[in-house]
C-alpha atoms as a PDB file:
ATOM      1  CA  MET A   1      74.024 -94.191  -0.793  1.00  0.00           C
ATOM      2  CA  MET A   2      72.681 -90.825   0.356  1.00  0.00           C
ATOM      3  CA  LYS A   3      69.088 -90.060   1.393  1.00  0.00           C
ATOM      4  CA  SER A   4      67.602 -86.718   2.510  1.00  0.00           C
ATOM      5  CA  LEU A   5      65.608 -86.627   5.744  1.00  0.00           C
ATOM      6  CA  LEU A   6      64.427 -84.275   8.465  1.00  0.00           C
ATOM      7  CA  ALA A   7      65.563 -84.297  12.081  1.00  0.00           C
ATOM      8  CA  CYS A   8      63.241 -82.272  14.301  1.00  0.00           C
ATOM      9  CA  GLN A   9      63.517 -80.829  17.784  1.00  0.00           C
ATOM     10  CA  LEU A  10      60.723 -79.020  19.610  1.00  0.00           C
ATOM     11  CA  HIS A  11      61.220 -76.007  21.858  1.00  0.00           C
ATOM     12  CA  ARG A  12      58.488 -74.199  23.790  1.00  0.00           C
ATOM     13  CA  ASN A  13      57.941 -71.002  25.667  1.00  0.00           C
ATOM     14  CA  GLN A  14      54.819 -69.416  27.126  1.00  0.00           C
ATOM     15  CA  PHE A  15      52.653 -69.175  24.005  1.00  0.00           C
ATOM     16  CA  ASP A  16      54.829 -70.465  21.184  1.00  0.00           C
ATOM     17  CA  MET A  17      56.271 -73.754  20.023  1.00  0.00           C
ATOM     18  CA  TYR A  18      59.395 -73.552  17.884  1.00  0.00           C
ATOM     19  CA  LEU A  19      60.183 -76.514  15.691  1.00  0.00           C
ATOM     20  CA  THR A  20      63.838 -76.697  14.685  1.00  0.00           C
ATOM     21  CA  VAL A  21      64.086 -78.740  11.504  1.00  0.00           C
ATOM     22  CA  CYS A  22      67.513 -79.989  10.502  1.00  0.00           C
ATOM     23  CA  ILE A  23      67.636 -81.108   6.880  1.00  0.00           C
ATOM     24  CA  CYS A  24      70.204 -83.894   6.568  1.00  0.00           C
ATOM     25  CA  ARG A  25      71.414 -86.566   4.264  1.00  0.00           C
ATOM     26  CA  LYS A  26      71.749 -90.085   5.504  1.00  0.00           C
ATOM     27  CA  ARG A  27      74.662 -92.110   4.172  1.00  0.00           C
ATOM     28  CA  TYR A  28      74.397 -95.861   4.559  1.00  0.00           C
ATOM     29  CA  SER A  29      77.542 -97.907   5.208  1.00  0.00           C
ATOM     30  CA  ASP A  30      78.310-101.399   6.377  1.00  0.00           C
ATOM     31  CA  ASP A  31      79.188-100.251   9.871  1.00  0.00           C
ATOM     32  CA  GLU A  32      76.809 -97.465  10.825  1.00  0.00           C
ATOM     33  CA  ASP A  33      74.475 -94.802   9.555  1.00  0.00           C
ATOM     34  CA  VAL A  34      76.069 -91.404   9.097  1.00  0.00           C
ATOM     35  CA  PHE A  35      74.045 -88.170   9.133  1.00  0.00           C
ATOM     36  CA  VAL A  36      75.421 -85.285   7.124  1.00  0.00           C
ATOM     37  CA  PRO A  37      73.769 -81.998   8.215  1.00  0.00           C
ATOM     38  CA  LEU A  38      72.941 -79.598   5.414  1.00  0.00           C
ATOM     39  CA  ARG A  39      70.990 -76.728   6.996  1.00  0.00           C
ATOM     40  CA  GLU A  40      68.506 -75.905   9.748  1.00  0.00           C
ATOM     41  CA  VAL A  41      65.098 -74.276   9.424  1.00  0.00           C
ATOM     42  CA  ILE A  42      63.196 -72.956  12.454  1.00  0.00           C
ATOM     43  CA  ILE A  43      59.410 -73.156  12.219  1.00  0.00           C
ATOM     44  CA  SER A  44      57.403 -71.194  14.808  1.00  0.00           C
ATOM     45  CA  LEU A  45      54.025 -72.579  15.866  1.00  0.00           C
ATOM     46  CA  ARG A  46      52.030 -70.068  17.888  1.00  0.00           C
ATOM     47  CA  LEU A  47      49.243 -71.656  19.910  1.00  0.00           C
ATOM     48  CA  ARG A  48      46.348 -70.383  21.966  1.00  0.00           C
ATOM     49  CA  ILE A  49      43.872 -72.034  24.321  1.00  0.00           C
ATOM     50  CA  VAL A  50      40.236 -71.397  23.421  1.00  0.00           C
ATOM     51  CA  PRO A  51      37.474 -72.379  25.875  1.00  0.00           C
ATOM     52  CA  VAL A  52      34.527 -74.189  24.295  1.00  0.00           C
ATOM     53  CA  LEU A  53      31.623 -72.469  26.033  1.00  0.00           C
ATOM     54  CA  ARG A  54      27.854 -72.561  25.702  1.00  0.00           C
ATOM     55  CA  ASP A  55      26.374 -70.405  22.952  1.00  0.00           C
ATOM     56  CA  ASN A  56      24.456 -68.292  25.470  1.00  0.00           C
ATOM     57  CA  VAL A  57      27.763 -67.428  27.167  1.00  0.00           C
ATOM     58  CA  CYS A  58      29.572 -66.488  23.962  1.00  0.00           C
ATOM     59  CA  ALA A  59      26.673 -64.483  22.523  1.00  0.00           C
ATOM     60  CA  GLU A  60      27.143 -60.716  22.483  1.00  0.00           C
ATOM     61  CA  GLU A  61      23.415 -59.973  22.336  1.00  0.00           C
ATOM     62  CA  LEU A  62      20.361 -61.186  24.238  1.00  0.00           C
ATOM     63  CA  PRO A  63      16.842 -61.955  23.009  1.00  0.00           C
ATOM     64  CA  LEU A  64      14.375 -59.101  23.347  1.00  0.00           C
ATOM     65  CA  GLU A  65      10.744 -59.043  24.416  1.00  0.00           C
ATOM     66  CA  GLU A  66       8.159 -56.319  23.944  1.00  0.00           C
ATOM     67  CA  TYR A  67       6.654 -54.645  27.026  1.00  0.00           C
ATOM     68  CA  PHE A  68       4.080 -51.939  27.641  1.00  0.00           C
ATOM     69  CA  ALA A  69       5.497 -48.907  29.433  1.00  0.00           C
ATOM     70  CA  VAL A  70       3.784 -45.768  30.706  1.00  0.00           C
ATOM     71  CA  ASP A  71       5.435 -42.358  30.652  1.00  0.00           C
ATOM     72  CA  VAL A  72       5.181 -40.643  34.058  1.00  0.00           C
ATOM     73  CA  THR A  73       5.806 -36.887  34.130  1.00  0.00           C
ATOM     74  CA  ASN A  74       5.411 -36.456  37.888  1.00  0.00           C
ATOM     75  CA  ARG A  75       8.145 -38.720  39.258  1.00  0.00           C
ATOM     76  CA  GLN A  76       6.695 -38.471  42.785  1.00  0.00           C
ATOM     77  CA  LEU A  77       3.787 -40.653  41.669  1.00  0.00           C
ATOM     78  CA  ILE A  78       5.979 -43.559  40.550  1.00  0.00           C
ATOM     79  CA  GLY A  79       5.951 -45.251  43.980  1.00  0.00           C
ATOM     80  CA  ALA A  80       2.153 -45.285  44.100  1.00  0.00           C
ATOM     81  CA  LEU A  81       1.994 -46.432  40.486  1.00  0.00           C
ATOM     82  CA  LEU A  82       4.184 -49.460  41.182  1.00  0.00           C
ATOM     83  CA  LYS A  83       1.660 -50.640  43.770  1.00  0.00           C
ATOM     84  CA  LEU A  84      -1.043 -50.720  41.096  1.00  0.00           C
ATOM     85  CA  LEU A  85       0.953 -52.711  38.570  1.00  0.00           C
ATOM     86  CA  PRO A  86       1.140 -56.505  38.382  1.00  0.00           C
ATOM     87  CA  SER A  87       4.341 -58.132  39.618  1.00  0.00           C
ATOM     88  CA  MET A  88       7.014 -58.893  37.075  1.00  0.00           C
ATOM     89  CA  PRO A  89       7.287 -62.575  36.071  1.00  0.00           C
ATOM     90  CA  ASN A  90      10.091 -64.436  37.843  1.00  0.00           C
ATOM     91  CA  ALA A  91      11.882 -64.910  34.535  1.00  0.00           C
ATOM     92  CA  MET A  92      12.012 -61.120  34.097  1.00  0.00           C
ATOM     93  CA  ASN A  93      13.124 -60.168  37.606  1.00  0.00           C
ATOM     94  CA  HIS A  94      16.487 -59.077  36.228  1.00  0.00           C
ATOM     95  CA  LEU A  95      14.834 -55.980  34.738  1.00  0.00           C
ATOM     96  CA  LYS A  96      14.670 -52.648  36.504  1.00  0.00           C
ATOM     97  CA  ARG A  97      11.115 -51.356  36.428  1.00  0.00           C
ATOM     98  CA  ILE A  98      11.922 -47.725  35.595  1.00  0.00           C
ATOM     99  CA  LYS A  99      13.923 -45.947  32.903  1.00  0.00           C
ATOM    100  CA  ASP A 100      13.891 -42.174  32.357  1.00  0.00           C
ATOM    101  CA  GLY A 101      10.400 -41.761  33.762  1.00  0.00           C
ATOM    102  CA  ARG A 102       8.985 -44.711  31.860  1.00  0.00           C
ATOM    103  CA  VAL A 103       7.604 -47.559  33.958  1.00  0.00           C
ATOM    104  CA  LEU A 104       7.163 -51.113  32.710  1.00  0.00           C
ATOM    105  CA  ILE A 105       3.586 -52.355  32.999  1.00  0.00           C
ATOM    106  CA  GLN A 106       3.445 -55.856  31.544  1.00  0.00           C
ATOM    107  CA  GLN A 107       4.290 -57.979  28.511  1.00  0.00           C
ATOM    108  CA  CYS A 108       2.654 -56.968  25.245  1.00  0.00           C
ATOM    109  CA  SER A 109       1.590 -60.559  24.644  1.00  0.00           C
ATOM    110  CA  THR A 110      -1.322 -59.893  27.028  1.00  0.00           C
ATOM    111  CA  PRO A 111      -3.777 -57.005  26.397  1.00  0.00           C
ATOM    112  CA  LEU A 112      -3.875 -54.307  29.055  1.00  0.00           C
ATOM    113  CA  PRO A 113      -7.026 -54.618  31.230  1.00  0.00           C
ATOM    114  CA  ASP A 114      -9.359 -51.634  31.039  1.00  0.00           C
ATOM    115  CA  GLU A 115      -9.567 -51.526  34.844  1.00  0.00           C
ATOM    116  CA  LEU A 116      -5.793 -51.207  35.133  1.00  0.00           C
ATOM    117  CA  LEU A 117      -5.679 -48.441  32.539  1.00  0.00           C
ATOM    118  CA  GLN A 118      -8.383 -46.521  34.374  1.00  0.00           C
ATOM    119  CA  SER A 119      -6.561 -46.900  37.706  1.00  0.00           C
ATOM    120  CA  ILE A 120      -3.359 -45.587  36.145  1.00  0.00           C
ATOM    121  CA  ARG A 121      -5.243 -42.659  34.583  1.00  0.00           C
ATOM    122  CA  ASN A 122      -6.877 -41.786  37.909  1.00  0.00           C
ATOM    123  CA  LEU A 123      -3.534 -41.864  39.713  1.00  0.00           C
ATOM    124  CA  LEU A 124      -1.740 -39.756  37.164  1.00  0.00           C
ATOM    125  CA  GLN A 125      -4.741 -37.393  36.939  1.00  0.00           C
ATOM    126  CA  GLN A 126      -4.820 -37.460  33.166  1.00  0.00           C
ATOM    127  CA  GLU A 127      -8.108 -36.907  31.377  1.00  0.00           C
ATOM    128  CA  THR A 128      -6.577 -37.350  27.957  1.00  0.00           C
ATOM    129  CA  ALA A 129      -5.175 -40.588  26.617  1.00  0.00           C
ATOM    130  CA  LEU A 130      -2.279 -42.045  28.538  1.00  0.00           C
ATOM    131  CA  ILE A 131       1.078 -42.241  26.818  1.00  0.00           C
ATOM    132  CA  ILE A 132       1.579 -45.988  26.583  1.00  0.00           C
ATOM    133  CA  GLU A 133       4.648 -47.135  24.677  1.00  0.00           C
ATOM    134  CA  ARG A 134       5.914 -50.457  23.436  1.00  0.00           C
ATOM    135  CA  VAL A 135       9.540 -50.964  24.432  1.00  0.00           C
ATOM    136  CA  GLN A 136      12.040 -53.735  23.742  1.00  0.00           C
ATOM    137  CA  VAL A 137      13.633 -55.199  26.875  1.00  0.00           C
ATOM    138  CA  PRO A 138      16.161 -58.046  27.353  1.00  0.00           C
ATOM    139  CA  SER A 139      14.250 -61.251  28.101  1.00  0.00           C
ATOM    140  CA  LYS A 140      17.308 -62.953  29.650  1.00  0.00           C
ATOM    141  CA  LYS A 141      19.611 -61.871  32.442  1.00  0.00           C
ATOM    142  CA  PRO A 142      23.076 -60.907  31.187  1.00  0.00           C
ATOM    143  CA  PHE A 143      25.627 -63.601  31.951  1.00  0.00           C
ATOM    144  CA  THR A 144      28.729 -61.726  30.811  1.00  0.00           C
ATOM    145  CA  ARG A 145      29.847 -58.124  31.030  1.00  0.00           C
ATOM    146  CA  ARG A 146      29.721 -57.852  27.258  1.00  0.00           C
ATOM    147  CA  GLN A 147      26.045 -58.873  27.322  1.00  0.00           C
ATOM    148  CA  PHE A 148      25.387 -56.436  30.164  1.00  0.00           C
ATOM    149  CA  GLU A 149      26.911 -53.531  28.240  1.00  0.00           C
ATOM    150  CA  TRP A 150      24.658 -54.393  25.303  1.00  0.00           C
ATOM    151  CA  ALA A 151      21.534 -54.927  27.436  1.00  0.00           C
ATOM    152  CA  LYS A 152      21.720 -51.710  29.446  1.00  0.00           C
ATOM    153  CA  GLN A 153      21.530 -49.712  26.227  1.00  0.00           C
ATOM    154  CA  ARG A 154      18.022 -51.177  25.768  1.00  0.00           C
ATOM    155  CA  TRP A 155      16.763 -51.242  29.351  1.00  0.00           C
ATOM    156  CA  PRO A 156      18.353 -51.211  32.835  1.00  0.00           C
ATOM    157  CA  THR A 157      19.016 -54.705  34.118  1.00  0.00           C
ATOM    158  CA  ALA A 158      20.664 -56.441  37.054  1.00  0.00           C
ATOM    159  CA  PHE A 159      24.061 -58.038  36.539  1.00  0.00           C
ATOM    160  CA  HIS A 160      26.354 -60.055  38.789  1.00  0.00           C
ATOM    161  CA  PRO A 161      29.691 -60.732  37.072  1.00  0.00           C
ATOM    162  CA  ASN A 162      31.162 -64.216  37.111  1.00  0.00           C
ATOM    163  CA  GLN A 163      34.903 -63.628  37.408  1.00  0.00           C
ATOM    164  CA  GLU A 164      35.762 -67.113  36.191  1.00  0.00           C
ATOM    165  CA  VAL A 165      33.693 -66.770  33.029  1.00  0.00           C
ATOM    166  CA  GLU A 166      35.122 -63.308  32.357  1.00  0.00           C
ATOM    167  CA  ALA A 167      38.648 -64.709  32.673  1.00  0.00           C
ATOM    168  CA  LEU A 168      37.805 -67.503  30.236  1.00  0.00           C
ATOM    169  CA  LEU A 169      36.387 -65.063  27.703  1.00  0.00           C
ATOM    170  CA  HIS A 170      39.341 -62.693  27.932  1.00  0.00           C
ATOM    171  CA  GLY A 171      42.094 -65.315  27.854  1.00  0.00           C
ATOM    172  CA  THR A 172      43.356 -64.673  31.388  1.00  0.00           C
ATOM    173  CA  PHE A 173      42.090 -67.873  33.006  1.00  0.00           C
ATOM    174  CA  PHE A 174      45.441 -69.700  32.805  1.00  0.00           C
ATOM    175  CA  SER A 175      48.690 -68.431  34.284  1.00  0.00           C
ATOM    176  CA  ASP A 176      51.909 -68.333  32.273  1.00  0.00           C
ATOM    177  CA  ASP A 177      53.107 -71.503  33.990  1.00  0.00           C
ATOM    178  CA  GLU A 178      49.818 -73.270  33.237  1.00  0.00           C
ATOM    179  CA  HIS A 179      50.129 -72.290  29.584  1.00  0.00           C
ATOM    180  CA  ARG A 180      53.554 -73.886  29.372  1.00  0.00           C
ATOM    181  CA  LYS A 181      52.412 -77.104  31.026  1.00  0.00           C
ATOM    182  CA  ILE A 182      49.343 -77.388  28.813  1.00  0.00           C
ATOM    183  CA  PHE A 183      51.404 -76.927  25.656  1.00  0.00           C
ATOM    184  CA  ASP A 184      53.930 -79.478  26.943  1.00  0.00           C
ATOM    185  CA  PHE A 185      51.272 -82.139  27.471  1.00  0.00           C
ATOM    186  CA  TYR A 186      49.593 -81.342  24.170  1.00  0.00           C
ATOM    187  CA  SER A 187      52.944 -81.653  22.399  1.00  0.00           C
ATOM    188  CA  ARG A 188      53.392 -85.028  24.067  1.00  0.00           C
ATOM    189  CA  ALA A 189      50.008 -86.161  22.749  1.00  0.00           C
ATOM    190  CA  GLU A 190      51.080 -85.175  19.238  1.00  0.00           C
ATOM    191  CA  GLN A 191      54.288 -87.148  19.594  1.00  0.00           C
ATOM    192  CA  ILE A 192      52.383 -90.196  20.867  1.00  0.00           C
ATOM    193  CA  GLY A 193      49.919 -89.910  17.975  1.00  0.00           C
ATOM    194  CA  ASP A 194      52.750 -89.722  15.434  1.00  0.00           C
ATOM    195  CA  GLY A 195      50.552 -88.060  12.830  1.00  0.00           C
ATOM    196  CA  ASP A 196      47.348 -89.770  13.981  1.00  0.00           C
ATOM    197  CA  SER A 197      45.249 -89.361  17.126  1.00  0.00           C
ATOM    198  CA  GLY A 198      47.109 -89.241  20.413  1.00  0.00           C
ATOM    199  CA  CYS A 199      45.917 -89.125  24.021  1.00  0.00           C
ATOM    200  CA  VAL A 200      47.725 -88.188  27.238  1.00  0.00           C
ATOM    201  CA  ILE A 201      46.036 -88.459  30.655  1.00  0.00           C
ATOM    202  CA  VAL A 202      47.430 -86.373  33.525  1.00  0.00           C
ATOM    203  CA  ASP A 203      46.402 -86.804  37.168  1.00  0.00           C
ATOM    204  CA  VAL A 204      45.685 -84.021  39.648  1.00  0.00           C
ATOM    205  CA  THR A 205      49.355 -83.844  40.678  1.00  0.00           C
ATOM    206  CA  GLY A 206      50.487 -83.175  37.103  1.00  0.00           C
ATOM    207  CA  LYS A 207      51.842 -86.680  36.499  1.00  0.00           C
ATOM    208  CA  VAL A 208      51.245 -88.473  33.202  1.00  0.00           C
ATOM    209  CA  VAL A 209      49.449 -91.687  34.162  1.00  0.00           C
ATOM    210  CA  ALA A 210      48.512 -93.010  30.711  1.00  0.00           C
ATOM    211  CA  GLU A 211      49.114 -92.251  27.055  1.00  0.00           C
ATOM    212  CA  SER A 212      48.303 -93.939  23.798  1.00  0.00           C
ATOM    213  CA  GLY A 213      47.902 -93.538  20.088  1.00  0.00           C
ATOM    214  CA  VAL A 214      45.480 -95.413  17.843  1.00  0.00           C
ATOM    215  CA  ARG A 215      45.790 -99.195  18.042  1.00  0.00           C
ATOM    216  CA  ALA A 216      45.004-101.696  15.323  1.00  0.00           C
ATOM    217  CA  LYS A 217      42.084-103.409  17.011  1.00  0.00           C
ATOM    218  CA  PRO A 218      38.333-102.895  17.377  1.00  0.00           C
ATOM    219  CA  LEU A 219      37.625 -99.791  19.462  1.00  0.00           C
ATOM    220  CA  GLY A 220      41.338 -99.046  19.497  1.00  0.00           C
ATOM    221  CA  HIS A 221      40.802 -95.297  19.603  1.00  0.00           C
ATOM    222  CA  ALA A 222      43.496 -93.336  21.427  1.00  0.00           C
ATOM    223  CA  VAL A 223      41.185 -92.379  24.306  1.00  0.00           C
ATOM    224  CA  MET A 224      39.824 -95.890  24.808  1.00  0.00           C
ATOM    225  CA  SER A 225      43.322 -97.368  24.673  1.00  0.00           C
ATOM    226  CA  ALA A 226      44.715 -94.899  27.220  1.00  0.00           C
ATOM    227  CA  VAL A 227      41.795 -95.471  29.602  1.00  0.00           C
ATOM    228  CA  GLU A 228      42.199 -99.228  29.211  1.00  0.00           C
ATOM    229  CA  ASP A 229      45.913 -98.978  30.029  1.00  0.00           C
ATOM    230  CA  LEU A 230      45.258 -96.924  33.150  1.00  0.00           C
ATOM    231  CA  CYS A 231      42.609 -99.334  34.411  1.00  0.00           C
ATOM    232  CA  GLU A 232      44.909-102.270  33.748  1.00  0.00           C
ATOM    233  CA  SER A 233      47.779-100.665  35.646  1.00  0.00           C
ATOM    234  CA  HIS A 234      45.524-100.230  38.663  1.00  0.00           C
ATOM    235  CA  ARG A 235      44.421-103.838  38.479  1.00  0.00           C
ATOM    236  CA  ILE A 236      48.045-104.949  38.426  1.00  0.00           C
ATOM    237  CA  GLN A 237      48.696-102.794  41.491  1.00  0.00           C
ATOM    238  CA  GLY A 238      45.793-104.509  43.218  1.00  0.00           C
ATOM    239  CA  SER A 239      43.510-101.469  43.335  1.00  0.00           C
ATOM    240  CA  ASP A 240      39.774-102.160  43.150  1.00  0.00           C
ATOM    241  CA  VAL A 241      38.724 -98.483  43.012  1.00  0.00           C
ATOM    242  CA  LEU A 242      38.087 -98.178  39.280  1.00  0.00           C
ATOM    243  CA  GLN A 243      34.653 -96.570  39.056  1.00  0.00           C
ATOM    244  CA  TYR A 244      35.840 -92.954  39.266  1.00  0.00           C
ATOM    245  CA  LEU A 245      39.512 -93.539  38.647  1.00  0.00           C
ATOM    246  CA  GLY A 246      39.986 -90.376  36.596  1.00  0.00           C
ATOM    247  CA  THR A 247      38.236 -87.877  38.866  1.00  0.00           C
ATOM    248  CA  GLY A 248      39.567 -84.406  38.160  1.00  0.00           C
ATOM    249  CA  PHE A 249      42.179 -85.589  35.647  1.00  0.00           C
ATOM    250  CA  ASP A 250      43.187 -83.600  32.563  1.00  0.00           C
ATOM    251  CA  VAL A 251      43.081 -85.236  29.133  1.00  0.00           C
ATOM    252  CA  TYR A 252      45.060 -83.958  26.143  1.00  0.00           C
ATOM    253  CA  LEU A 253      43.962 -85.041  22.669  1.00  0.00           C
ATOM    254  CA  THR A 254      45.305 -84.250  19.243  1.00  0.00           C
ATOM    255  CA  HIS A 255      41.810 -84.605  17.768  1.00  0.00           C
ATOM    256  CA  GLU A 256      38.261 -83.936  18.918  1.00  0.00           C
ATOM    257  CA  PRO A 257      36.935 -87.276  20.221  1.00  0.00           C
ATOM    258  CA  CYS A 258      33.968 -89.227  18.911  1.00  0.00           C
ATOM    259  CA  SER A 259      30.857 -89.719  21.042  1.00  0.00           C
ATOM    260  CA  MET A 260      32.091 -93.091  22.326  1.00  0.00           C
ATOM    261  CA  CYS A 261      35.374 -91.638  23.578  1.00  0.00           C
ATOM    262  CA  ALA A 262      33.710 -88.483  24.914  1.00  0.00           C
ATOM    263  CA  MET A 263      31.245 -90.595  26.897  1.00  0.00           C
ATOM    264  CA  ALA A 264      34.076 -92.753  28.215  1.00  0.00           C
ATOM    265  CA  LEU A 265      35.635 -89.598  29.648  1.00  0.00           C
ATOM    266  CA  VAL A 266      32.296 -88.750  31.279  1.00  0.00           C
ATOM    267  CA  HIS A 267      32.250 -92.149  33.005  1.00  0.00           C
ATOM    268  CA  PHE A 268      35.902 -91.609  33.902  1.00  0.00           C
ATOM    269  CA  ARG A 269      34.935 -88.336  35.661  1.00  0.00           C
ATOM    270  CA  VAL A 270      37.746 -86.278  34.147  1.00  0.00           C
ATOM    271  CA  GLY A 271      37.884 -82.572  34.946  1.00  0.00           C
ATOM    272  CA  ARG A 272      39.161 -80.988  31.739  1.00  0.00           C
ATOM    273  CA  VAL A 273      39.684 -82.020  28.130  1.00  0.00           C
ATOM    274  CA  PHE A 274      42.042 -80.213  25.742  1.00  0.00           C
ATOM    275  CA  PHE A 275      41.889 -81.090  22.056  1.00  0.00           C
ATOM    276  CA  GLY A 276      43.543 -79.814  18.896  1.00  0.00           C
ATOM    277  CA  LYS A 277      42.007 -80.562  15.532  1.00  0.00           C
ATOM    278  CA  CYS A 278      38.224 -80.520  15.161  1.00  0.00           C
ATOM    279  CA  SER A 279      36.463 -83.599  13.784  1.00  0.00           C
ATOM    280  CA  PRO A 280      33.693 -82.236  11.508  1.00  0.00           C
ATOM    281  CA  LYS A 281      32.122 -85.672  11.140  1.00  0.00           C
ATOM    282  CA  GLY A 282      31.231 -87.009  14.559  1.00  0.00           C
ATOM    283  CA  GLY A 283      33.191 -84.734  16.885  1.00  0.00           C
ATOM    284  CA  ALA A 284      31.389 -84.821  20.243  1.00  0.00           C
ATOM    285  CA  LEU A 285      32.793 -81.736  21.983  1.00  0.00           C
ATOM    286  CA  GLN A 286      32.048 -79.031  19.421  1.00  0.00           C
ATOM    287  CA  SER A 287      31.588 -80.115  15.811  1.00  0.00           C
ATOM    288  CA  SER A 288      28.435 -82.254  15.815  1.00  0.00           C
ATOM    289  CA  TRP A 289      27.573 -82.548  19.523  1.00  0.00           C
ATOM    290  CA  ARG A 290      28.580 -80.980  22.815  1.00  0.00           C
ATOM    291  CA  ILE A 291      28.427 -83.744  25.357  1.00  0.00           C
ATOM    292  CA  GLN A 292      29.671 -81.394  28.069  1.00  0.00           C
ATOM    293  CA  GLU A 293      26.414 -79.430  27.726  1.00  0.00           C
ATOM    294  CA  GLU A 294      24.123 -82.460  27.732  1.00  0.00           C
ATOM    295  CA  LYS A 295      21.709 -82.061  30.643  1.00  0.00           C
ATOM    296  CA  ARG A 296      20.771 -85.738  30.698  1.00  0.00           C
ATOM    297  CA  ILE A 297      24.185 -86.920  31.860  1.00  0.00           C
ATOM    298  CA  ASN A 298      25.363 -86.633  35.461  1.00  0.00           C
ATOM    299  CA  HIS A 299      28.905 -85.345  34.937  1.00  0.00           C
ATOM    300  CA  HIS A 300      30.267 -82.497  32.870  1.00  0.00           C
ATOM    301  CA  TYR A 301      33.894 -81.651  32.201  1.00  0.00           C
ATOM    302  CA  ARG A 302      35.362 -78.451  30.851  1.00  0.00           C
ATOM    303  CA  VAL A 303      36.525 -78.371  27.261  1.00  0.00           C
ATOM    304  CA  PHE A 304      39.292 -76.315  25.665  1.00  0.00           C
ATOM    305  CA  ARG A 305      40.472 -76.237  22.070  1.00  0.00           C
ATOM    306  CA  ILE A 306      44.121 -75.624  21.218  1.00  0.00           C
ATOM    307  CA  ASP A 307      44.434 -73.578  18.038  1.00  0.00           C
ATOM    308  CA  GLU A 308      47.378 -72.642  15.896  1.00  0.00           C
ATOM    309  CA  ILE A 309      47.563 -68.882  15.333  1.00  0.00           C
ATOM    310  CA  ASP A 310      48.440 -67.838  11.811  1.00  0.00           C
END
């Protein structure tokens, strides 16, 4: 009797996973199974690591707010003018006060006091109507260079680049060696899941300390099962330090976890979570909730999604 089947072997390099598929026929006999190779097909899976960041970090634009601005022809009077004007609100301290001879006065949401207008007119020695404009200014401080480049076209603003965030946005946060290790562990989670959800937990030294797929029992999710196994192994070893057992650990998941599993990882104090497929119904890291951005909890881990590139 002959039966066709697939024999697979996985190979990886920096950014790609190559799946070598050997199409065989299996011949059954009384003594042993015999595989008869027919042909091999190599399937290339190109992966990338995508950080799951807050919306205000990923946004290219910033909200705008309307301000009154006065046009000053004699630039030597700007210093004296600034002394007359009200201080900028703390939330708007990122703004420069002056642009091309125009000086910000105050937000348009509040009418300009007549006394202030008269003081400005007296200083600038203008008997005719002052040139008061309404200008749009960024109401938030730029958090990324991309936001800064957009904001400065509207009005000058302060900016202090966060090198870590810039590296995350531009895909340079992980080294080549880190890419390989991440793809290795993610591949292991897929193998453990065997077509379903899989979980691999790696400690701070890079050692796999627990792994599990879905188990046929209540709350037998891959994450819960792996955490349970790790806690049990520590109990067997006689360790009583279980409260923050997973501090700084990395967790690799084939699927975006539910809120129960995501919260378990919060209690476990893990450092980073990598997941593959999104879970549109109930995913707690991106799809329906972002637990890592929840201000009411006392621990937040970083989240990365592993995508296949077409």
